[in-house]
Amino acid sequence: MKLLIVEARFYEDIADELVKGAVQAIENAGAEYDRLSVPGALEIPAAIRFAADGNDGYDGFIALGCVIRGETTHYDYVCGESARGLMELTIKDRLAIGNGILTVEDRDQAWARCSVDDKNKGGAVAEAAIRMIELKKQYGVS
């Protein structure tokens, strides 16, 4: 099993902690992984599509990033459009994706969710991606 971690680096410290949890889960499953960095959450769905179109043999993808509410409505667009993009890839293109783009009010909420010692969302979404890969194989979906 081979996965691609696509990480938005806008909040580097949070991204690093999300990746830490994801890598632990992937290694615990005995799977392989590559990492790809993109600037922000909006770029994640396109990067996954590009990688899926390539010939690198990825069975699944892990989307990691963080969007923290600011003073404008930009937060709403980034949250909604990144989630919509990932869901389209999942439904239309039948890609196995773990969505770990945190959408939070502040850094404290982000840290509570990304910390491997707390909610460990990086690990949880890696496990979700692995389960979706298993389901695809179970049902013969390519």
C-alpha atoms as a PDB file:
ATOM      1  CA  MET A   1       0.000   0.000   0.000  1.00  0.00           C
ATOM      2  CA  LYS A   2       1.356   3.411  -1.005  1.00  0.00           C
ATOM      3  CA  LEU A   3      -0.069   6.767   0.053  1.00  0.00           C
ATOM      4  CA  LEU A   4       0.690  10.361  -0.774  1.00  0.00           C
ATOM      5  CA  ILE A   5       0.565  12.922   2.013  1.00  0.00           C
ATOM      6  CA  VAL A   6      -0.329  16.318   0.569  1.00  0.00           C
ATOM      7  CA  GLU A   7       0.374  18.965   3.166  1.00  0.00           C
ATOM      8  CA  ALA A   8      -0.497  22.644   3.086  1.00  0.00           C
ATOM      9  CA  ARG A   9       2.418  24.536   4.616  1.00  0.00           C
ATOM     10  CA  PHE A  10       0.622  27.809   5.442  1.00  0.00           C
ATOM     11  CA  TYR A  11       0.842  27.022   9.169  1.00  0.00           C
ATOM     12  CA  GLU A  12       4.083  25.060   9.175  1.00  0.00           C
ATOM     13  CA  ASP A  13       4.122  24.061  12.847  1.00  0.00           C
ATOM     14  CA  ILE A  14       0.581  22.679  12.649  1.00  0.00           C
ATOM     15  CA  ALA A  15       1.330  20.932   9.351  1.00  0.00           C
ATOM     16  CA  ASP A  16       4.399  19.263  10.888  1.00  0.00           C
ATOM     17  CA  GLU A  17       2.350  17.893  13.788  1.00  0.00           C
ATOM     18  CA  LEU A  18      -0.394  16.622  11.450  1.00  0.00           C
ATOM     19  CA  VAL A  19       2.233  14.887   9.318  1.00  0.00           C
ATOM     20  CA  LYS A  20       3.820  13.356  12.414  1.00  0.00           C
ATOM     21  CA  GLY A  21       0.532  11.683  13.337  1.00  0.00           C
ATOM     22  CA  ALA A  22      -0.143  10.562   9.762  1.00  0.00           C
ATOM     23  CA  VAL A  23       3.312   9.023   9.362  1.00  0.00           C
ATOM     24  CA  GLN A  24       2.926   7.070  12.607  1.00  0.00           C
ATOM     25  CA  ALA A  25      -0.388   5.595  11.401  1.00  0.00           C
ATOM     26  CA  ILE A  26       0.992   4.765   7.958  1.00  0.00           C
ATOM     27  CA  GLU A  27       4.061   3.074   9.404  1.00  0.00           C
ATOM     28  CA  ASN A  28       1.897   1.149  11.899  1.00  0.00           C
ATOM     29  CA  ALA A  29      -0.078  -0.184   8.909  1.00  0.00           C
ATOM     30  CA  GLY A  30       3.132  -1.249   7.172  1.00  0.00           C
ATOM     31  CA  ALA A  31       2.453   1.054   4.238  1.00  0.00           C
ATOM     32  CA  GLU A  32       4.718   3.333   2.228  1.00  0.00           C
ATOM     33  CA  TYR A  33       4.279   7.050   1.683  1.00  0.00           C
ATOM     34  CA  ASP A  34       5.572  10.085  -0.139  1.00  0.00           C
ATOM     35  CA  ARG A  35       5.098  13.713   0.859  1.00  0.00           C
ATOM     36  CA  LEU A  36       4.143  16.686  -1.271  1.00  0.00           C
ATOM     37  CA  SER A  37       3.946  20.266  -0.003  1.00  0.00           C
ATOM     38  CA  VAL A  38       1.596  22.921  -1.339  1.00  0.00           C
ATOM     39  CA  PRO A  39       1.138  26.534  -0.195  1.00  0.00           C
ATOM     40  CA  GLY A  40      -2.375  26.282   1.266  1.00  0.00           C
ATOM     41  CA  ALA A  41      -5.563  24.255   1.610  1.00  0.00           C
ATOM     42  CA  LEU A  42      -7.045  25.386  -1.709  1.00  0.00           C
ATOM     43  CA  GLU A  43      -4.144  23.798  -3.586  1.00  0.00           C
ATOM     44  CA  ILE A  44      -4.546  20.359  -2.013  1.00  0.00           C
ATOM     45  CA  PRO A  45      -7.327  18.961  -4.267  1.00  0.00           C
ATOM     46  CA  ALA A  46      -5.493  19.987  -7.451  1.00  0.00           C
ATOM     47  CA  ALA A  47      -2.228  18.472  -6.207  1.00  0.00           C
ATOM     48  CA  ILE A  48      -4.023  15.190  -5.462  1.00  0.00           C
ATOM     49  CA  ARG A  49      -5.607  15.214  -8.936  1.00  0.00           C
ATOM     50  CA  PHE A  50      -2.196  15.841 -10.562  1.00  0.00           C
ATOM     51  CA  ALA A  51      -0.631  13.003  -8.564  1.00  0.00           C
ATOM     52  CA  ALA A  52      -3.515  10.637  -9.314  1.00  0.00           C
ATOM     53  CA  ASP A  53      -3.102  11.368 -13.034  1.00  0.00           C
ATOM     54  CA  GLY A  54       0.596  10.534 -12.782  1.00  0.00           C
ATOM     55  CA  ASN A  55       2.008   7.040 -12.753  1.00  0.00           C
ATOM     56  CA  ASP A  56       3.321   6.875  -9.192  1.00  0.00           C
ATOM     57  CA  GLY A  57       1.001   4.062  -8.114  1.00  0.00           C
ATOM     58  CA  TYR A  58      -0.672   5.727  -5.139  1.00  0.00           C
ATOM     59  CA  ASP A  59      -3.462   3.732  -3.542  1.00  0.00           C
ATOM     60  CA  GLY A  60      -4.694   6.671  -1.497  1.00  0.00           C
ATOM     61  CA  PHE A  61      -4.118  10.218  -0.406  1.00  0.00           C
ATOM     62  CA  ILE A  62      -3.969  12.141   2.845  1.00  0.00           C
ATOM     63  CA  ALA A  63      -4.892  15.824   2.765  1.00  0.00           C
ATOM     64  CA  LEU A  64      -3.399  17.799   5.658  1.00  0.00           C
ATOM     65  CA  GLY A  65      -3.653  21.479   6.439  1.00  0.00           C
ATOM     66  CA  CYS A  66      -5.273  24.090   8.581  1.00  0.00           C
ATOM     67  CA  VAL A  67      -7.599  27.024   7.997  1.00  0.00           C
ATOM     68  CA  ILE A  68      -8.003  29.446  10.885  1.00  0.00           C
ATOM     69  CA  ARG A  69     -10.866  31.931  10.829  1.00  0.00           C
ATOM     70  CA  GLY A  70      -9.774  35.485  10.193  1.00  0.00           C
ATOM     71  CA  GLU A  71     -11.546  38.811   9.860  1.00  0.00           C
ATOM     72  CA  THR A  72     -12.964  38.235   6.368  1.00  0.00           C
ATOM     73  CA  THR A  73     -15.192  35.719   4.594  1.00  0.00           C
ATOM     74  CA  HIS A  74     -12.132  34.200   2.898  1.00  0.00           C
ATOM     75  CA  TYR A  75     -12.165  31.502   5.617  1.00  0.00           C
ATOM     76  CA  ASP A  76     -15.584  30.286   4.468  1.00  0.00           C
ATOM     77  CA  TYR A  77     -14.499  29.985   0.853  1.00  0.00           C
ATOM     78  CA  VAL A  78     -11.269  28.183   1.640  1.00  0.00           C
ATOM     79  CA  CYS A  79     -12.994  25.719   3.984  1.00  0.00           C
ATOM     80  CA  GLY A  80     -15.897  25.003   1.667  1.00  0.00           C
ATOM     81  CA  GLU A  81     -13.995  24.822  -1.588  1.00  0.00           C
ATOM     82  CA  SER A  82     -11.171  22.648  -0.297  1.00  0.00           C
ATOM     83  CA  ALA A  83     -13.714  20.203   1.191  1.00  0.00           C
ATOM     84  CA  ARG A  84     -15.799  20.261  -1.999  1.00  0.00           C
ATOM     85  CA  GLY A  85     -12.711  19.602  -4.110  1.00  0.00           C
ATOM     86  CA  LEU A  86     -11.719  16.609  -2.007  1.00  0.00           C
ATOM     87  CA  MET A  87     -15.249  15.212  -2.003  1.00  0.00           C
ATOM     88  CA  GLU A  88     -15.459  15.488  -5.793  1.00  0.00           C
ATOM     89  CA  LEU A  89     -12.227  13.524  -6.097  1.00  0.00           C
ATOM     90  CA  THR A  90     -13.617  10.911  -3.722  1.00  0.00           C
ATOM     91  CA  ILE A  91     -17.029  10.510  -5.360  1.00  0.00           C
ATOM     92  CA  LYS A  92     -16.415  11.249  -9.037  1.00  0.00           C
ATOM     93  CA  ASP A  93     -12.895   9.870  -9.363  1.00  0.00           C
ATOM     94  CA  ARG A  94     -13.206   7.176  -6.675  1.00  0.00           C
ATOM     95  CA  LEU A  95     -10.021   8.203  -4.910  1.00  0.00           C
ATOM     96  CA  ALA A  96      -9.365   7.066  -1.350  1.00  0.00           C
ATOM     97  CA  ILE A  97      -8.727  10.292   0.567  1.00  0.00           C
ATOM     98  CA  GLY A  98      -8.408  11.089   4.236  1.00  0.00           C
ATOM     99  CA  ASN A  99      -9.437  14.714   4.748  1.00  0.00           C
ATOM    100  CA  GLY A 100      -7.304  16.272   7.452  1.00  0.00           C
ATOM    101  CA  ILE A 101      -7.810  19.930   6.637  1.00  0.00           C
ATOM    102  CA  LEU A 102      -8.572  21.447  10.024  1.00  0.00           C
ATOM    103  CA  THR A 103     -11.121  24.266  10.019  1.00  0.00           C
ATOM    104  CA  VAL A 104     -10.869  26.084  13.319  1.00  0.00           C
ATOM    105  CA  GLU A 105     -11.489  29.374  15.065  1.00  0.00           C
ATOM    106  CA  ASP A 106      -7.989  29.839  16.512  1.00  0.00           C
ATOM    107  CA  ARG A 107      -4.558  28.275  16.983  1.00  0.00           C
ATOM    108  CA  ASP A 108      -5.548  26.685  20.312  1.00  0.00           C
ATOM    109  CA  GLN A 109      -8.274  24.685  18.577  1.00  0.00           C
ATOM    110  CA  ALA A 110      -5.836  23.745  15.817  1.00  0.00           C
ATOM    111  CA  TRP A 111      -3.269  22.465  18.307  1.00  0.00           C
ATOM    112  CA  ALA A 112      -5.841  20.470  20.246  1.00  0.00           C
ATOM    113  CA  ARG A 113      -6.770  18.689  17.018  1.00  0.00           C
ATOM    114  CA  CYS A 114      -3.335  18.210  15.464  1.00  0.00           C
ATOM    115  CA  SER A 115      -1.344  17.198  18.533  1.00  0.00           C
ATOM    116  CA  VAL A 116      -0.367  13.538  18.493  1.00  0.00           C
ATOM    117  CA  ASP A 117      -0.875  13.601  22.256  1.00  0.00           C
ATOM    118  CA  ASP A 118      -4.437  14.906  21.991  1.00  0.00           C
ATOM    119  CA  LYS A 119      -6.901  14.360  19.125  1.00  0.00           C
ATOM    120  CA  ASN A 120      -4.219  13.350  16.580  1.00  0.00           C
ATOM    121  CA  LYS A 121      -6.241  14.189  13.475  1.00  0.00           C
ATOM    122  CA  GLY A 122      -3.232  13.424  11.263  1.00  0.00           C
ATOM    123  CA  GLY A 123      -3.247   9.846  12.489  1.00  0.00           C
ATOM    124  CA  ALA A 124      -7.024   9.565  12.321  1.00  0.00           C
ATOM    125  CA  VAL A 125      -7.266  10.700   8.709  1.00  0.00           C
ATOM    126  CA  ALA A 126      -4.394   8.433   7.682  1.00  0.00           C
ATOM    127  CA  GLU A 127      -6.326   5.536   9.213  1.00  0.00           C
ATOM    128  CA  ALA A 128      -9.441   6.699   7.337  1.00  0.00           C
ATOM    129  CA  ALA A 129      -7.552   6.746   4.027  1.00  0.00           C
ATOM    130  CA  ILE A 130      -6.183   3.262   4.691  1.00  0.00           C
ATOM    131  CA  ARG A 131      -9.688   1.976   5.449  1.00  0.00           C
ATOM    132  CA  MET A 132     -11.014   3.507   2.223  1.00  0.00           C
ATOM    133  CA  ILE A 133      -8.217   1.798   0.285  1.00  0.00           C
ATOM    134  CA  GLU A 134      -9.264  -1.497   1.872  1.00  0.00           C
ATOM    135  CA  LEU A 135     -12.905  -0.867   0.898  1.00  0.00           C
ATOM    136  CA  LYS A 136     -11.917  -0.113  -2.691  1.00  0.00           C
ATOM    137  CA  LYS A 137     -10.046  -3.422  -2.847  1.00  0.00           C
ATOM    138  CA  GLN A 138     -12.931  -5.273  -1.184  1.00  0.00           C
ATOM    139  CA  TYR A 139     -15.366  -4.022  -3.813  1.00  0.00           C
ATOM    140  CA  GLY A 140     -12.976  -4.254  -6.760  1.00  0.00           C
ATOM    141  CA  VAL A 141     -12.980  -0.507  -7.417  1.00  0.00           C
ATOM    142  CA  SER A 142     -10.053   0.748  -9.459  1.00  0.00           C
END
